[in-house]
């Protein structure tokens, strides 16, 4: 893709992220931080694009005109769908935005998305994205769907935060031993790191519900029956936004030249760059260990303590992801979109 096409695609993603007009200030800030972070090593001025979208200085029709190939239009559309689905629900305003995106391209003459070499139509992609975004929390451990090699064994992590006064008396016994929990979190981290190596939009979207399922299973091991709203609130307390997380992961792949190139660059240099930049291994590792500390302690940690603990363990996860990159690559060789769809369905 040309620089103009990449810029247009990212602009459409930002337009999609604000399409419902109901973003919380916290989520706007997370998206702004993603834009600034993605701008670090690239020529695309994402902070400027973010301001243009936020202040409504850019129109969808003008951006669409910059996407001249059917393939770039399809990629941008798929990314917009994933942005709208990332939080597990698509509002009426987001549905209208996606409909206008489809209509403008299909009425503009020339090739449409359905006429490209991709095996899916827009409606099929929307259906699959919705299936992933609404993946059931109560399902089998996803790492069992594909062999996940952990080398010499899991790395135990010290307590993410100090024990609160009186906390020991409030702890509920886990159904898993400490070693089992460490292994579970590490396998989930390797799996999500492997998924990030794959170039398809649906694969990138799947990381979020698999992380949510890990948190659910950890809470369940301590006797807590959680729902999606509770887990979303916990992730928000940690500083993890669902929409902004997808934007960061997909944006780094797009800027690195990996996204949409199925079979090209998989497990190569671009794949390694995706892992080192997107850090799905590190974020899953941090989510797992902080969630374990939170539920083991009777859910007594404050928002500040949770956020600080998450950032602390994220740093350790960034160090470990390089160590486990070979296992991520090995795991990725056994993955494809169909298998990932099975995992998120709980099959």
C-alpha atoms as a PDB file:
ATOM      1  CA  UNK A   1       0.000   0.000   0.000  1.00  0.00           C
ATOM      2  CA  UNK A   2       1.113   3.549  -0.658  1.00  0.00           C
ATOM      3  CA  UNK A   3       1.614   6.041   2.150  1.00  0.00           C
ATOM      4  CA  UNK A   4      -1.610   7.802   1.098  1.00  0.00           C
ATOM      5  CA  UNK A   5      -3.567   4.523   1.253  1.00  0.00           C
ATOM      6  CA  UNK A   6      -2.143   3.704   4.675  1.00  0.00           C
ATOM      7  CA  UNK A   7      -3.029   7.188   5.905  1.00  0.00           C
ATOM      8  CA  UNK A   8      -6.547   6.879   4.495  1.00  0.00           C
ATOM      9  CA  UNK A   9      -7.044   3.439   6.047  1.00  0.00           C
ATOM     10  CA  UNK A  10      -5.964   4.649   9.482  1.00  0.00           C
ATOM     11  CA  UNK A  11      -8.217   7.703   9.132  1.00  0.00           C
ATOM     12  CA  UNK A  12     -11.185   5.429   8.387  1.00  0.00           C
ATOM     13  CA  UNK A  13     -10.326   3.383  11.488  1.00  0.00           C
ATOM     14  CA  UNK A  14     -10.312   6.528  13.606  1.00  0.00           C
ATOM     15  CA  UNK A  15     -13.620   7.621  12.071  1.00  0.00           C
ATOM     16  CA  UNK A  16     -15.025   4.200  12.930  1.00  0.00           C
ATOM     17  CA  UNK A  17     -13.771   4.451  16.507  1.00  0.00           C
ATOM     18  CA  UNK A  18     -15.780   7.659  17.022  1.00  0.00           C
ATOM     19  CA  UNK A  19     -18.754   6.718  14.847  1.00  0.00           C
ATOM     20  CA  UNK A  20     -21.097   6.096  17.770  1.00  0.00           C
ATOM     21  CA  UNK A  21     -20.381   9.535  19.252  1.00  0.00           C
ATOM     22  CA  UNK A  22     -20.426   8.085  22.767  1.00  0.00           C
ATOM     23  CA  UNK A  23     -16.762   7.477  23.537  1.00  0.00           C
ATOM     24  CA  UNK A  24     -15.828   8.031  27.169  1.00  0.00           C
ATOM     25  CA  UNK A  25     -13.114  10.632  27.795  1.00  0.00           C
ATOM     26  CA  UNK A  26     -10.917   7.819  29.088  1.00  0.00           C
ATOM     27  CA  UNK A  27     -11.304   5.901  25.847  1.00  0.00           C
ATOM     28  CA  UNK A  28     -10.616   9.003  23.768  1.00  0.00           C
ATOM     29  CA  UNK A  29      -7.393   9.451  25.713  1.00  0.00           C
ATOM     30  CA  UNK A  30      -6.390   5.844  25.085  1.00  0.00           C
ATOM     31  CA  UNK A  31      -6.986   6.243  21.351  1.00  0.00           C
ATOM     32  CA  UNK A  32      -4.957   9.472  21.378  1.00  0.00           C
ATOM     33  CA  UNK A  33      -2.097   7.653  23.106  1.00  0.00           C
ATOM     34  CA  UNK A  34      -2.242   4.896  20.494  1.00  0.00           C
ATOM     35  CA  UNK A  35      -2.056   7.495  17.718  1.00  0.00           C
ATOM     36  CA  UNK A  36       0.983   9.096  19.311  1.00  0.00           C
ATOM     37  CA  UNK A  37       2.633   5.749  19.919  1.00  0.00           C
ATOM     38  CA  UNK A  38       2.129   4.556  16.346  1.00  0.00           C
ATOM     39  CA  UNK A  39       3.552   7.804  14.984  1.00  0.00           C
ATOM     40  CA  UNK A  40       6.932   7.255  16.618  1.00  0.00           C
ATOM     41  CA  UNK A  41       8.767   5.387  13.870  1.00  0.00           C
ATOM     42  CA  UNK A  42       6.698   6.202  10.796  1.00  0.00           C
ATOM     43  CA  UNK A  43       6.052   9.063   8.406  1.00  0.00           C
ATOM     44  CA  UNK A  44       2.262   9.018   8.871  1.00  0.00           C
ATOM     45  CA  UNK A  45       1.269  11.857  11.192  1.00  0.00           C
ATOM     46  CA  UNK A  46      -1.277   9.948  13.262  1.00  0.00           C
ATOM     47  CA  UNK A  47      -1.685  12.577  15.999  1.00  0.00           C
ATOM     48  CA  UNK A  48      -2.703  15.030  13.280  1.00  0.00           C
ATOM     49  CA  UNK A  49      -5.150  12.486  11.813  1.00  0.00           C
ATOM     50  CA  UNK A  50      -6.588  11.962  15.296  1.00  0.00           C
ATOM     51  CA  UNK A  51      -7.191  15.701  15.695  1.00  0.00           C
ATOM     52  CA  UNK A  52      -8.731  15.963  12.219  1.00  0.00           C
ATOM     53  CA  UNK A  53     -11.193  13.188  13.052  1.00  0.00           C
ATOM     54  CA  UNK A  54     -11.986  14.442  16.540  1.00  0.00           C
ATOM     55  CA  UNK A  55     -12.631  17.983  15.284  1.00  0.00           C
ATOM     56  CA  UNK A  56     -14.550  16.688  12.231  1.00  0.00           C
ATOM     57  CA  UNK A  57     -12.180  18.285   9.748  1.00  0.00           C
ATOM     58  CA  UNK A  58     -12.196  15.177   7.569  1.00  0.00           C
ATOM     59  CA  UNK A  59     -15.062  13.623   5.604  1.00  0.00           C
ATOM     60  CA  UNK A  60     -15.469   9.930   4.870  1.00  0.00           C
ATOM     61  CA  UNK A  61     -16.082  10.452   1.151  1.00  0.00           C
ATOM     62  CA  UNK A  62     -12.807  12.354   0.757  1.00  0.00           C
ATOM     63  CA  UNK A  63     -10.855   9.640   2.525  1.00  0.00           C
ATOM     64  CA  UNK A  64     -12.439   6.849   0.500  1.00  0.00           C
ATOM     65  CA  UNK A  65     -11.318   8.505  -2.730  1.00  0.00           C
ATOM     66  CA  UNK A  66      -7.695   7.949  -1.684  1.00  0.00           C
ATOM     67  CA  UNK A  67      -8.144   4.169  -1.729  1.00  0.00           C
ATOM     68  CA  UNK A  68      -7.766   3.331  -5.385  1.00  0.00           C
ATOM     69  CA  UNK A  69      -7.525  -0.471  -5.360  1.00  0.00           C
ATOM     70  CA  UNK A  70     -10.206  -2.997  -4.453  1.00  0.00           C
ATOM     71  CA  UNK A  71      -7.778  -4.706  -2.090  1.00  0.00           C
ATOM     72  CA  UNK A  72      -7.043  -1.522  -0.116  1.00  0.00           C
ATOM     73  CA  UNK A  73     -10.761  -0.772   0.116  1.00  0.00           C
ATOM     74  CA  UNK A  74     -11.523  -4.225   1.444  1.00  0.00           C
ATOM     75  CA  UNK A  75      -8.695  -4.048   3.987  1.00  0.00           C
ATOM     76  CA  UNK A  76      -9.886  -0.656   5.241  1.00  0.00           C
ATOM     77  CA  UNK A  77     -13.462  -1.891   5.464  1.00  0.00           C
ATOM     78  CA  UNK A  78     -12.459  -4.996   7.414  1.00  0.00           C
ATOM     79  CA  UNK A  79     -10.420  -2.896   9.840  1.00  0.00           C
ATOM     80  CA  UNK A  80     -13.385  -0.556  10.336  1.00  0.00           C
ATOM     81  CA  UNK A  81     -15.634  -3.541  11.100  1.00  0.00           C
ATOM     82  CA  UNK A  82     -13.157  -4.816  13.695  1.00  0.00           C
ATOM     83  CA  UNK A  83     -12.877  -1.383  15.295  1.00  0.00           C
ATOM     84  CA  UNK A  84     -16.671  -1.247  15.681  1.00  0.00           C
ATOM     85  CA  UNK A  85     -16.842  -4.829  17.001  1.00  0.00           C
ATOM     86  CA  UNK A  86     -13.846  -4.612  19.364  1.00  0.00           C
ATOM     87  CA  UNK A  87     -15.943  -3.768  22.421  1.00  0.00           C
ATOM     88  CA  UNK A  88     -18.294  -6.678  21.794  1.00  0.00           C
ATOM     89  CA  UNK A  89     -21.213  -4.716  20.420  1.00  0.00           C
ATOM     90  CA  UNK A  90     -21.989  -2.552  17.403  1.00  0.00           C
ATOM     91  CA  UNK A  91     -24.281   0.409  17.982  1.00  0.00           C
ATOM     92  CA  UNK A  92     -26.895   1.644  15.520  1.00  0.00           C
ATOM     93  CA  UNK A  93     -24.646   4.597  14.623  1.00  0.00           C
ATOM     94  CA  UNK A  94     -21.735   2.272  13.964  1.00  0.00           C
ATOM     95  CA  UNK A  95     -23.952   0.073  11.797  1.00  0.00           C
ATOM     96  CA  UNK A  96     -24.945   3.155   9.816  1.00  0.00           C
ATOM     97  CA  UNK A  97     -21.288   4.144   9.415  1.00  0.00           C
ATOM     98  CA  UNK A  98     -20.368   0.709   8.068  1.00  0.00           C
ATOM     99  CA  UNK A  99     -23.375   0.741   5.735  1.00  0.00           C
ATOM    100  CA  UNK A 100     -22.320   4.104   4.302  1.00  0.00           C
ATOM    101  CA  UNK A 101     -18.798   2.756   3.886  1.00  0.00           C
ATOM    102  CA  UNK A 102     -20.095  -0.189   1.863  1.00  0.00           C
ATOM    103  CA  UNK A 103     -22.561   1.833  -0.156  1.00  0.00           C
ATOM    104  CA  UNK A 104     -20.064   4.499  -1.188  1.00  0.00           C
ATOM    105  CA  UNK A 105     -17.631   1.948  -2.525  1.00  0.00           C
ATOM    106  CA  UNK A 106     -20.212  -0.266  -4.189  1.00  0.00           C
ATOM    107  CA  UNK A 107     -21.873   2.673  -5.935  1.00  0.00           C
ATOM    108  CA  UNK A 108     -18.600   4.211  -7.046  1.00  0.00           C
ATOM    109  CA  UNK A 109     -18.105   1.943 -10.035  1.00  0.00           C
ATOM    110  CA  UNK A 110     -15.256  -0.432 -10.721  1.00  0.00           C
ATOM    111  CA  UNK A 111     -14.341  -3.375  -8.567  1.00  0.00           C
ATOM    112  CA  UNK A 112     -16.130  -3.995  -5.304  1.00  0.00           C
ATOM    113  CA  UNK A 113     -14.909  -5.896  -2.311  1.00  0.00           C
ATOM    114  CA  UNK A 114     -16.917  -8.942  -3.266  1.00  0.00           C
ATOM    115  CA  UNK A 115     -15.091  -9.055  -6.590  1.00  0.00           C
ATOM    116  CA  UNK A 116     -11.626  -9.279  -5.082  1.00  0.00           C
ATOM    117  CA  UNK A 117      -9.676 -12.467  -4.601  1.00  0.00           C
ATOM    118  CA  UNK A 118     -10.590 -12.585  -0.920  1.00  0.00           C
ATOM    119  CA  UNK A 119     -12.848 -15.551  -0.069  1.00  0.00           C
ATOM    120  CA  UNK A 120     -15.300 -13.554   2.022  1.00  0.00           C
ATOM    121  CA  UNK A 121     -17.971 -10.990   1.259  1.00  0.00           C
ATOM    122  CA  UNK A 122     -18.539  -7.901   3.436  1.00  0.00           C
ATOM    123  CA  UNK A 123     -21.540  -9.496   5.148  1.00  0.00           C
ATOM    124  CA  UNK A 124     -19.657 -12.739   5.766  1.00  0.00           C
ATOM    125  CA  UNK A 125     -16.774 -10.821   7.304  1.00  0.00           C
ATOM    126  CA  UNK A 126     -19.153  -8.840   9.534  1.00  0.00           C
ATOM    127  CA  UNK A 127     -20.756 -12.084  10.705  1.00  0.00           C
ATOM    128  CA  UNK A 128     -17.407 -13.667  11.530  1.00  0.00           C
ATOM    129  CA  UNK A 129     -16.195 -10.525  13.305  1.00  0.00           C
ATOM    130  CA  UNK A 130     -19.371 -10.465  15.400  1.00  0.00           C
ATOM    131  CA  UNK A 131     -18.871 -14.133  16.283  1.00  0.00           C
ATOM    132  CA  UNK A 132     -15.378 -13.371  17.550  1.00  0.00           C
ATOM    133  CA  UNK A 133     -16.375 -10.219  19.421  1.00  0.00           C
ATOM    134  CA  UNK A 134     -19.238 -12.021  21.171  1.00  0.00           C
ATOM    135  CA  UNK A 135     -17.203 -15.126  22.001  1.00  0.00           C
ATOM    136  CA  UNK A 136     -18.579 -16.889  25.099  1.00  0.00           C
ATOM    137  CA  UNK A 137     -16.580 -16.466  28.281  1.00  0.00           C
ATOM    138  CA  UNK A 138     -17.562 -19.893  29.566  1.00  0.00           C
ATOM    139  CA  UNK A 139     -15.639 -22.165  27.203  1.00  0.00           C
ATOM    140  CA  UNK A 140     -12.765 -24.589  27.111  1.00  0.00           C
ATOM    141  CA  UNK A 141      -9.256 -23.215  27.592  1.00  0.00           C
ATOM    142  CA  UNK A 142      -8.268 -21.953  24.122  1.00  0.00           C
ATOM    143  CA  UNK A 143      -4.675 -23.151  24.392  1.00  0.00           C
ATOM    144  CA  UNK A 144      -5.941 -26.718  24.183  1.00  0.00           C
ATOM    145  CA  UNK A 145      -7.012 -26.198  20.574  1.00  0.00           C
ATOM    146  CA  UNK A 146      -3.422 -26.081  19.304  1.00  0.00           C
ATOM    147  CA  UNK A 147      -0.114 -27.349  20.750  1.00  0.00           C
ATOM    148  CA  UNK A 148       1.595 -24.566  22.696  1.00  0.00           C
ATOM    149  CA  UNK A 149       5.228 -25.233  23.484  1.00  0.00           C
ATOM    150  CA  UNK A 150       6.542 -23.558  26.628  1.00  0.00           C
ATOM    151  CA  UNK A 151      10.104 -24.829  26.465  1.00  0.00           C
ATOM    152  CA  UNK A 152      11.670 -25.385  29.849  1.00  0.00           C
ATOM    153  CA  UNK A 153       8.479 -24.555  31.696  1.00  0.00           C
ATOM    154  CA  UNK A 154       6.482 -21.561  32.896  1.00  0.00           C
ATOM    155  CA  UNK A 155       8.097 -18.593  34.554  1.00  0.00           C
ATOM    156  CA  UNK A 156       6.492 -17.860  37.910  1.00  0.00           C
ATOM    157  CA  UNK A 157       5.889 -14.214  38.552  1.00  0.00           C
ATOM    158  CA  UNK A 158       6.301 -12.644  41.983  1.00  0.00           C
ATOM    159  CA  UNK A 159       3.282 -10.952  43.520  1.00  0.00           C
ATOM    160  CA  UNK A 160       2.270  -8.108  41.247  1.00  0.00           C
ATOM    161  CA  UNK A 161       1.560  -5.919  44.265  1.00  0.00           C
ATOM    162  CA  UNK A 162       2.117  -6.137  47.990  1.00  0.00           C
ATOM    163  CA  UNK A 163      -0.517  -7.874  50.076  1.00  0.00           C
ATOM    164  CA  UNK A 164      -2.986  -5.464  51.577  1.00  0.00           C
ATOM    165  CA  UNK A 165      -3.532  -5.392  55.343  1.00  0.00           C
ATOM    166  CA  UNK A 166      -5.934  -8.169  56.249  1.00  0.00           C
ATOM    167  CA  UNK A 167      -5.957  -9.418  52.658  1.00  0.00           C
ATOM    168  CA  UNK A 168      -4.643 -12.873  53.503  1.00  0.00           C
ATOM    169  CA  UNK A 169      -7.793 -13.634  55.460  1.00  0.00           C
ATOM    170  CA  UNK A 170      -9.944 -12.733  52.442  1.00  0.00           C
ATOM    171  CA  UNK A 171      -8.185 -14.960  49.917  1.00  0.00           C
ATOM    172  CA  UNK A 172     -10.214 -17.771  48.409  1.00  0.00           C
ATOM    173  CA  UNK A 173      -8.411 -20.987  47.522  1.00  0.00           C
ATOM    174  CA  UNK A 174      -7.845 -21.401  43.802  1.00  0.00           C
ATOM    175  CA  UNK A 175      -8.805 -24.553  41.964  1.00  0.00           C
ATOM    176  CA  UNK A 176      -5.318 -24.432  40.409  1.00  0.00           C
ATOM    177  CA  UNK A 177      -1.903 -24.708  42.023  1.00  0.00           C
ATOM    178  CA  UNK A 178       0.469 -21.774  41.660  1.00  0.00           C
ATOM    179  CA  UNK A 179       2.465 -23.714  39.057  1.00  0.00           C
ATOM    180  CA  UNK A 180      -0.703 -24.572  37.138  1.00  0.00           C
ATOM    181  CA  UNK A 181      -1.764 -20.924  37.130  1.00  0.00           C
ATOM    182  CA  UNK A 182       1.658 -19.774  35.918  1.00  0.00           C
ATOM    183  CA  UNK A 183       1.518 -22.373  33.152  1.00  0.00           C
ATOM    184  CA  UNK A 184      -2.011 -21.356  32.143  1.00  0.00           C
ATOM    185  CA  UNK A 185      -1.085 -17.670  31.901  1.00  0.00           C
ATOM    186  CA  UNK A 186       2.100 -18.396  29.967  1.00  0.00           C
ATOM    187  CA  UNK A 187       0.330 -20.658  27.460  1.00  0.00           C
ATOM    188  CA  UNK A 188      -2.341 -18.013  26.869  1.00  0.00           C
ATOM    189  CA  UNK A 189       0.387 -15.385  26.401  1.00  0.00           C
ATOM    190  CA  UNK A 190       2.256 -17.532  23.869  1.00  0.00           C
ATOM    191  CA  UNK A 191      -0.985 -18.274  22.011  1.00  0.00           C
ATOM    192  CA  UNK A 192      -1.939 -14.603  21.720  1.00  0.00           C
ATOM    193  CA  UNK A 193       1.612 -13.725  20.720  1.00  0.00           C
ATOM    194  CA  UNK A 194       1.352 -16.383  17.998  1.00  0.00           C
ATOM    195  CA  UNK A 195      -2.005 -15.028  16.816  1.00  0.00           C
ATOM    196  CA  UNK A 196      -0.422 -11.593  16.462  1.00  0.00           C
ATOM    197  CA  UNK A 197       1.965 -13.076  13.897  1.00  0.00           C
ATOM    198  CA  UNK A 198      -0.949 -13.826  11.591  1.00  0.00           C
ATOM    199  CA  UNK A 199      -1.835 -11.134   9.048  1.00  0.00           C
ATOM    200  CA  UNK A 200      -5.633 -11.380   8.948  1.00  0.00           C
ATOM    201  CA  UNK A 201      -7.903  -8.809  10.590  1.00  0.00           C
ATOM    202  CA  UNK A 202     -10.034 -11.502  12.229  1.00  0.00           C
ATOM    203  CA  UNK A 203      -6.952 -12.988  13.885  1.00  0.00           C
ATOM    204  CA  UNK A 204      -6.027  -9.611  15.343  1.00  0.00           C
ATOM    205  CA  UNK A 205      -9.570  -9.111  16.647  1.00  0.00           C
ATOM    206  CA  UNK A 206      -9.550 -12.540  18.326  1.00  0.00           C
ATOM    207  CA  UNK A 207      -6.826 -11.555  20.797  1.00  0.00           C
ATOM    208  CA  UNK A 208      -9.238  -9.401  22.819  1.00  0.00           C
ATOM    209  CA  UNK A 209     -11.953 -12.013  23.602  1.00  0.00           C
ATOM    210  CA  UNK A 210      -9.280 -14.635  24.322  1.00  0.00           C
ATOM    211  CA  UNK A 211      -7.736 -12.283  26.874  1.00  0.00           C
ATOM    212  CA  UNK A 212     -11.168 -11.700  28.396  1.00  0.00           C
ATOM    213  CA  UNK A 213     -11.733 -15.442  28.601  1.00  0.00           C
ATOM    214  CA  UNK A 214      -8.426 -15.867  30.448  1.00  0.00           C
ATOM    215  CA  UNK A 215      -9.508 -13.286  33.032  1.00  0.00           C
ATOM    216  CA  UNK A 216     -12.868 -15.031  33.358  1.00  0.00           C
ATOM    217  CA  UNK A 217     -11.225 -18.413  33.951  1.00  0.00           C
ATOM    218  CA  UNK A 218      -8.853 -16.971  36.545  1.00  0.00           C
ATOM    219  CA  UNK A 219     -11.739 -15.372  38.423  1.00  0.00           C
ATOM    220  CA  UNK A 220     -13.694 -18.610  38.184  1.00  0.00           C
ATOM    221  CA  UNK A 221     -10.804 -20.544  39.729  1.00  0.00           C
ATOM    222  CA  UNK A 222     -11.251 -18.399  42.857  1.00  0.00           C
ATOM    223  CA  UNK A 223     -15.009 -18.919  42.950  1.00  0.00           C
ATOM    224  CA  UNK A 224     -16.106 -15.751  41.110  1.00  0.00           C
ATOM    225  CA  UNK A 225     -18.664 -16.001  38.315  1.00  0.00           C
ATOM    226  CA  UNK A 226     -17.948 -12.973  36.139  1.00  0.00           C
ATOM    227  CA  UNK A 227     -19.798 -11.410  33.246  1.00  0.00           C
ATOM    228  CA  UNK A 228     -18.475  -9.462  30.277  1.00  0.00           C
ATOM    229  CA  UNK A 229     -19.292  -6.107  31.871  1.00  0.00           C
ATOM    230  CA  UNK A 230     -17.245  -6.856  34.965  1.00  0.00           C
ATOM    231  CA  UNK A 231     -14.231  -7.933  32.928  1.00  0.00           C
ATOM    232  CA  UNK A 232     -14.500  -4.877  30.686  1.00  0.00           C
ATOM    233  CA  UNK A 233     -14.539  -2.667  33.796  1.00  0.00           C
ATOM    234  CA  UNK A 234     -11.469  -4.454  35.163  1.00  0.00           C
ATOM    235  CA  UNK A 235      -9.599  -3.977  31.887  1.00  0.00           C
ATOM    236  CA  UNK A 236     -10.556  -0.295  31.908  1.00  0.00           C
ATOM    237  CA  UNK A 237      -9.204   0.011  35.456  1.00  0.00           C
ATOM    238  CA  UNK A 238      -5.919  -1.443  34.204  1.00  0.00           C
ATOM    239  CA  UNK A 239      -5.826   1.134  31.410  1.00  0.00           C
ATOM    240  CA  UNK A 240      -6.700  -1.376  28.673  1.00  0.00           C
ATOM    241  CA  UNK A 241      -9.294  -0.136  26.166  1.00  0.00           C
ATOM    242  CA  UNK A 242     -10.862  -2.670  23.814  1.00  0.00           C
ATOM    243  CA  UNK A 243     -11.135  -0.349  20.812  1.00  0.00           C
ATOM    244  CA  UNK A 244      -7.739   1.234  21.383  1.00  0.00           C
ATOM    245  CA  UNK A 245      -6.120  -2.181  21.818  1.00  0.00           C
ATOM    246  CA  UNK A 246      -7.342  -3.364  18.422  1.00  0.00           C
ATOM    247  CA  UNK A 247      -6.303  -0.061  16.839  1.00  0.00           C
ATOM    248  CA  UNK A 248      -2.805  -0.437  18.231  1.00  0.00           C
ATOM    249  CA  UNK A 249      -2.371  -4.065  17.185  1.00  0.00           C
ATOM    250  CA  UNK A 250      -3.804  -3.639  13.685  1.00  0.00           C
ATOM    251  CA  UNK A 251      -2.162  -0.257  13.183  1.00  0.00           C
ATOM    252  CA  UNK A 252       1.291  -1.624  13.909  1.00  0.00           C
ATOM    253  CA  UNK A 253       0.741  -4.484  11.487  1.00  0.00           C
ATOM    254  CA  UNK A 254      -0.493  -2.113   8.798  1.00  0.00           C
ATOM    255  CA  UNK A 255       2.439   0.266   9.232  1.00  0.00           C
ATOM    256  CA  UNK A 256       4.825  -2.692   9.262  1.00  0.00           C
ATOM    257  CA  UNK A 257       3.439  -4.004   5.988  1.00  0.00           C
ATOM    258  CA  UNK A 258       2.109  -7.260   7.442  1.00  0.00           C
ATOM    259  CA  UNK A 259      -1.653  -6.793   7.763  1.00  0.00           C
ATOM    260  CA  UNK A 260      -3.636  -8.324   4.936  1.00  0.00           C
ATOM    261  CA  UNK A 261      -0.687 -10.192   3.423  1.00  0.00           C
ATOM    262  CA  UNK A 262      -1.788 -13.742   4.082  1.00  0.00           C
ATOM    263  CA  UNK A 263       1.067 -16.131   3.402  1.00  0.00           C
ATOM    264  CA  UNK A 264       3.557 -13.305   2.841  1.00  0.00           C
ATOM    265  CA  UNK A 265       5.985 -12.558   5.601  1.00  0.00           C
ATOM    266  CA  UNK A 266       4.425 -14.915   8.131  1.00  0.00           C
ATOM    267  CA  UNK A 267       7.047 -15.756  10.760  1.00  0.00           C
ATOM    268  CA  UNK A 268       9.553 -13.613   8.882  1.00  0.00           C
ATOM    269  CA  UNK A 269      11.023 -10.262   9.774  1.00  0.00           C
ATOM    270  CA  UNK A 270       7.668  -8.486   9.688  1.00  0.00           C
ATOM    271  CA  UNK A 271       6.165 -11.130  11.933  1.00  0.00           C
ATOM    272  CA  UNK A 272       8.890 -10.628  14.481  1.00  0.00           C
ATOM    273  CA  UNK A 273       8.360  -6.888  14.289  1.00  0.00           C
ATOM    274  CA  UNK A 274       4.650  -7.343  14.976  1.00  0.00           C
ATOM    275  CA  UNK A 275       5.367  -9.260  18.168  1.00  0.00           C
ATOM    276  CA  UNK A 276       7.987  -6.816  19.387  1.00  0.00           C
ATOM    277  CA  UNK A 277       5.729  -3.846  18.685  1.00  0.00           C
ATOM    278  CA  UNK A 278       2.182  -4.981  19.425  1.00  0.00           C
ATOM    279  CA  UNK A 279       3.183  -6.929  22.511  1.00  0.00           C
ATOM    280  CA  UNK A 280       0.137  -9.155  22.779  1.00  0.00           C
ATOM    281  CA  UNK A 281       2.304 -11.645  24.647  1.00  0.00           C
ATOM    282  CA  UNK A 282       3.234  -8.994  27.222  1.00  0.00           C
ATOM    283  CA  UNK A 283      -0.292  -7.628  27.636  1.00  0.00           C
ATOM    284  CA  UNK A 284      -1.783 -11.111  28.086  1.00  0.00           C
ATOM    285  CA  UNK A 285       0.965 -12.010  30.551  1.00  0.00           C
ATOM    286  CA  UNK A 286       0.292  -8.856  32.560  1.00  0.00           C
ATOM    287  CA  UNK A 287      -3.500  -9.277  32.462  1.00  0.00           C
ATOM    288  CA  UNK A 288      -3.200 -12.848  33.678  1.00  0.00           C
ATOM    289  CA  UNK A 289      -0.891 -12.190  36.586  1.00  0.00           C
ATOM    290  CA  UNK A 290      -2.640  -9.027  37.775  1.00  0.00           C
ATOM    291  CA  UNK A 291      -6.051 -10.714  37.506  1.00  0.00           C
ATOM    292  CA  UNK A 292      -4.686 -13.612  39.535  1.00  0.00           C
ATOM    293  CA  UNK A 293      -3.494 -11.231  42.242  1.00  0.00           C
ATOM    294  CA  UNK A 294      -6.782  -9.314  42.162  1.00  0.00           C
ATOM    295  CA  UNK A 295      -9.084 -12.311  42.574  1.00  0.00           C
ATOM    296  CA  UNK A 296      -6.765 -14.100  44.984  1.00  0.00           C
ATOM    297  CA  UNK A 297      -6.939 -11.011  47.189  1.00  0.00           C
ATOM    298  CA  UNK A 298     -10.707 -10.834  47.247  1.00  0.00           C
ATOM    299  CA  UNK A 299     -10.974  -8.000  44.682  1.00  0.00           C
ATOM    300  CA  UNK A 300      -9.678  -5.450  47.168  1.00  0.00           C
ATOM    301  CA  UNK A 301      -7.124  -3.622  45.007  1.00  0.00           C
ATOM    302  CA  UNK A 302      -7.775   0.011  44.124  1.00  0.00           C
ATOM    303  CA  UNK A 303      -7.755   1.332  40.550  1.00  0.00           C
ATOM    304  CA  UNK A 304      -4.360   2.973  41.076  1.00  0.00           C
ATOM    305  CA  UNK A 305      -2.883  -0.234  42.475  1.00  0.00           C
ATOM    306  CA  UNK A 306      -4.277  -2.257  39.580  1.00  0.00           C
ATOM    307  CA  UNK A 307      -2.940   0.144  36.973  1.00  0.00           C
ATOM    308  CA  UNK A 308       0.501   0.321  38.587  1.00  0.00           C
ATOM    309  CA  UNK A 309       0.653  -3.454  38.915  1.00  0.00           C
ATOM    310  CA  UNK A 310      -0.307  -3.901  35.262  1.00  0.00           C
ATOM    311  CA  UNK A 311       2.411  -1.533  34.055  1.00  0.00           C
ATOM    312  CA  UNK A 312       4.951  -3.249  36.288  1.00  0.00           C
ATOM    313  CA  UNK A 313       4.188  -6.748  35.006  1.00  0.00           C
ATOM    314  CA  UNK A 314       3.961  -5.465  31.415  1.00  0.00           C
ATOM    315  CA  UNK A 315       7.641  -4.538  31.647  1.00  0.00           C
ATOM    316  CA  UNK A 316       8.481  -8.098  32.666  1.00  0.00           C
ATOM    317  CA  UNK A 317       6.307  -9.412  29.844  1.00  0.00           C
ATOM    318  CA  UNK A 318       8.193  -7.324  27.290  1.00  0.00           C
ATOM    319  CA  UNK A 319      11.431  -8.920  28.426  1.00  0.00           C
ATOM    320  CA  UNK A 320       9.991 -12.436  28.344  1.00  0.00           C
ATOM    321  CA  UNK A 321       8.369 -12.105  24.914  1.00  0.00           C
ATOM    322  CA  UNK A 322      11.766 -12.188  23.198  1.00  0.00           C
ATOM    323  CA  UNK A 323      12.626 -15.354  25.097  1.00  0.00           C
ATOM    324  CA  UNK A 324       9.401 -17.036  24.008  1.00  0.00           C
ATOM    325  CA  UNK A 325       9.369 -15.791  20.415  1.00  0.00           C
ATOM    326  CA  UNK A 326      10.464 -19.213  19.033  1.00  0.00           C
ATOM    327  CA  UNK A 327       7.513 -20.845  20.819  1.00  0.00           C
ATOM    328  CA  UNK A 328       5.172 -18.206  19.397  1.00  0.00           C
ATOM    329  CA  UNK A 329       6.462 -18.894  15.906  1.00  0.00           C
ATOM    330  CA  UNK A 330       6.112 -22.644  16.385  1.00  0.00           C
ATOM    331  CA  UNK A 331       2.558 -22.218  17.659  1.00  0.00           C
ATOM    332  CA  UNK A 332       1.670 -19.873  14.792  1.00  0.00           C
ATOM    333  CA  UNK A 333       2.567 -22.558  12.262  1.00  0.00           C
ATOM    334  CA  UNK A 334      -0.395 -24.580  13.493  1.00  0.00           C
ATOM    335  CA  UNK A 335      -2.855 -21.681  13.361  1.00  0.00           C
ATOM    336  CA  UNK A 336      -5.144 -20.258  10.724  1.00  0.00           C
ATOM    337  CA  UNK A 337      -8.332 -18.206  10.761  1.00  0.00           C
ATOM    338  CA  UNK A 338     -10.558 -21.309  10.827  1.00  0.00           C
ATOM    339  CA  UNK A 339      -8.819 -22.686  13.925  1.00  0.00           C
ATOM    340  CA  UNK A 340      -9.014 -19.314  15.639  1.00  0.00           C
ATOM    341  CA  UNK A 341     -12.746 -19.174  14.925  1.00  0.00           C
ATOM    342  CA  UNK A 342     -13.075 -22.580  16.581  1.00  0.00           C
ATOM    343  CA  UNK A 343     -11.154 -21.394  19.628  1.00  0.00           C
ATOM    344  CA  UNK A 344     -13.243 -18.295  20.199  1.00  0.00           C
ATOM    345  CA  UNK A 345     -16.424 -20.352  19.833  1.00  0.00           C
ATOM    346  CA  UNK A 346     -15.083 -22.619  22.564  1.00  0.00           C
ATOM    347  CA  UNK A 347     -14.852 -25.666  20.292  1.00  0.00           C
END
